[in-house]
Amino acid sequence: MRFMRKQNNKAELTAKDIVINNVFTYFNAIFAIIAILLIIAGSYRSLTFLPVVIANSLIGIVQQLRARKVLNQLSLLARSTYSITRDGRVLSLASGELLVGDLITLEAGQQIPADATVVDGLIAANESLLTGEADEIEKPVHAKLLSGSFVVSGSCTALLTQVGEDCYAARLQAEAKQMREKPSEMIHDINLIVGIAGIVIIPLGCLLFYQAFFVNGYLFKESIEAMVGAIIGMIPEGLYLLVTVALALSAMRLAQNKVLLHDMRSTETLARIDVLCVDKTGTITDNTMQVVEVFDQAGSAVTKDTSAACDLLAQYAATIPDANATMEAVRAFVHQASVLTASSVLPFSSKNKYSQIDQVHGASLRFGAPEFVLDAQTFAVCEAQVAERAARGQRVLVFAQADEKGVFQPLLFVSLVNGLRPNVAETFAWFDQQEVRVMVISGDNPQTVSHIACQVGIPHADQYVTATDIADEDFTEAVSEYTVFGRVKPEQKKKIINALKAQGLRVAMTGDGVNDILAMKEADCSIAMGTGSDAARQAAQVVILDDDFSHMKQIISEGRRDINNLLRSATLFLYKNIFSMLLATCAILFAWVYPLKPSQVSLVSMFNIGVPAFLLAMEQNNKKQHGRFIYEALTRAIPAACTSFLAIVLLVALAPYLEVSKMDVGVGSTFLLSLAGFMVLFELSRPFNLWHTLIFVGCVAGFIGTAFFLSNLFAITAISWNAAVLTGSIAGVEVVLMLCLNLFGTFAHKHFTFLQ
């Protein structure tokens, strides 16, 4: 039995789905049965809960439809398109519009949308989302391409052989586009709360009716009212609605700022993160690059118009199929040239850190990171020149040619820079204030990365290391010591994430390329930029479509708003649920009739729980929660629930001795229950501001006004002097007892580690 529906992206739901999901729920079915029983019994006044139930469903439908409209519009902007040749025409189509027989052009970073066969070109594919293997697989002409895999490097033209549901592993395609489902602490805990309530109300309700009707001999109407009064108190009728609406509204607000959530629960995960791992390129810097210098092994500048090496680099750039930002910057710098006659071409990949062309009538050429292109002895000669520019935040690559022994010798070095994204410095400063540690994981030279990280104010960015120098068993120690990791291979990014998680930390990962997928899958939450590759966007839980990294502040703020406000709402609901279960159990054990009528419980629920819960859930709240959601809610709700339970048990027990009628006991119980509820609301509203004051005063005034002006509707009658004295005396004890329990709860929360 599922009490809380899975919180998927609401853009995937139709309007019909949303209506069905909000109307035909487990608890609405319980309410319908209760309403029928009350109508049969003729207790129409006890139907006061129905307007609240109907309003809950209508609010959920309206808010989710609003969110769906915004998310659908954003999803159209976020969808991937492909260059297709069909009937001699070149078209740009989404994956759902592809047909068998289309010729598709695929480049590095794209997801392969359908089964195909390579007819021209050469690519390396990553099939990890289908097979679990992270190795890059070379796909030459006639090779089979599997839908759901990604192009790591190179480009090709392929003939589509299977599309749609006929594709290989079609059942896995949705998983290939999304992260594996991450557990959500808050959703899990709320499901637990709602689930327990949903299970216990049936047997308790039946026992209460049996005890009242068959054991105590009450009339059918009175027995039904007693049973319904208890059951309504146990049903968290608005809690799962609040969760659905809060998450839908957060997704809508983020969508209006060009932030797309593949999983709406990701805002909660981000709100709790301890470490944010970012890639340099695409996150700190933008995706554009510019050549700032070309120099030789001695560090002297090379003029592109007179250098034979620059001419050869121009031919290399014209031949290599890479379409990444680095090669585009090189092509923009050098002059146009004819292609080389090549026997084989190896496109750039993050695994190798270089690309290579083997000439038919000439030596092999390589272009990439000096540490990976050159042998140790050759690199040592030019290391100082590379380090000098890396220290200035430049990315240095070498263009090399193999000698007669097959050892690559440098022809020239190319120095490039990225532009910084706007507002990144302010964003990283905000993370520091919010107790979130930032780490930079990059495939570039660690000195370069460190310099740029220092520029944007990342704390301890001067502590850097080369990932290739770290043994597998040393990653746990390294993540505690260093902030910047350079020359990181894709599988090492995954090891860094796992090392952080092994320390009990919650980790988020940003990425923009195929090389980031393994780490993004392992992280608790993943974020991609809109201009990143299809691979990163489809694997991420959060996509920032306009590439504005400062949106991270809003994403985390939304998550913290949801956690903090739903925690307060859950506390209010738990208070009523725990109290009702305790009192119902006591009534069964001691053969009492449940003292509260359904209309009286509805009155308390309205002003103690329903109205304040919805109003508080709309408030901005950036406080980071460290404790477990359910423990936090229980430690706040249990003192009030136990106090109300003991107070009403005392009232019921003493009433016969003071000749207090059952009607007066019900009215007195209503006021005792509401008193503890308002004390809970008072604690949850601290520190008081204008909004909190208006909510608290308004709810108290609303309760008193409704009880006075609509007394008949909610069964609030004038009580005798004896009942008033007894109720007032118990209320005084209730206040003192609750204050003592609150103090004990605060002490326990601070000193018992399992509550943290």
Foldseek 3Di string as FASTA:
>chain_A
DFQFDAQFQLLVDDLVRQLCVLCVGLVNVVLVVLVVLLVVLVVVLLNVCVVVSVVLSVVSSVLSVLLNVLQNVLVVVQFAWWFWQDPNDTDTGGQVPDDAFIKTKAFAQAFAQAKWFFAFWKFWKAPCLPVVDGDTHIHHGRRIDAGLIGTQHIMTIIGGHGGDPRGPPNVSNLVSLEFPDFDQQVVVLVSVLQVVLSVPLVVLLVLQLCLVCVVVNDDSNLSSQLSLQLNVLQHLSNQSSLLSSLLSVLQSVVSVQQKHFRGSSLLQLLLFFQAEEEACELAFFDQAKAWDFKFALVLHGDDLVPAPVNQVVLQVLVAARGPGNVSVNSNVVHDHDHHAAFPDWATDGLQQQWIWTDGPPFFIKIKGQLPRQADPVQCVSRVVSCLVLLLVLWFKMFIWTADPVRGTHGPMMITMHTHGAPPLLVLLVVCVVQNHAYAYEYLTDLSNQLNSCVVSPRPQSVFEDELVVDDLVCLLVVLVRGRYYYNAFLVNLLSNQVSCVVVVGQYEYEDQRPSPLNNCSNHSFYEYELPGRSSRNSHGSMYNNVSRSSCSVSSSQSNQLQLLLSLLLLLLSVLSSLLSVLQSVVCSVVSHRNLAGSLLSSLLCVLLHVQVSVLSSVDGDSHRDDFRSNLSSCLLRVLLSVLLNVLLVVLVVCCVVLVWDSLLSNLLSSVSNNLSSLVSLVVSCPPPDPSSVCSSVVSVVVSVVCCVPVVVSSSNDDTDPSSVVSSVVSSVVSVVSSVVSNVVSVVCCVPPVNRD
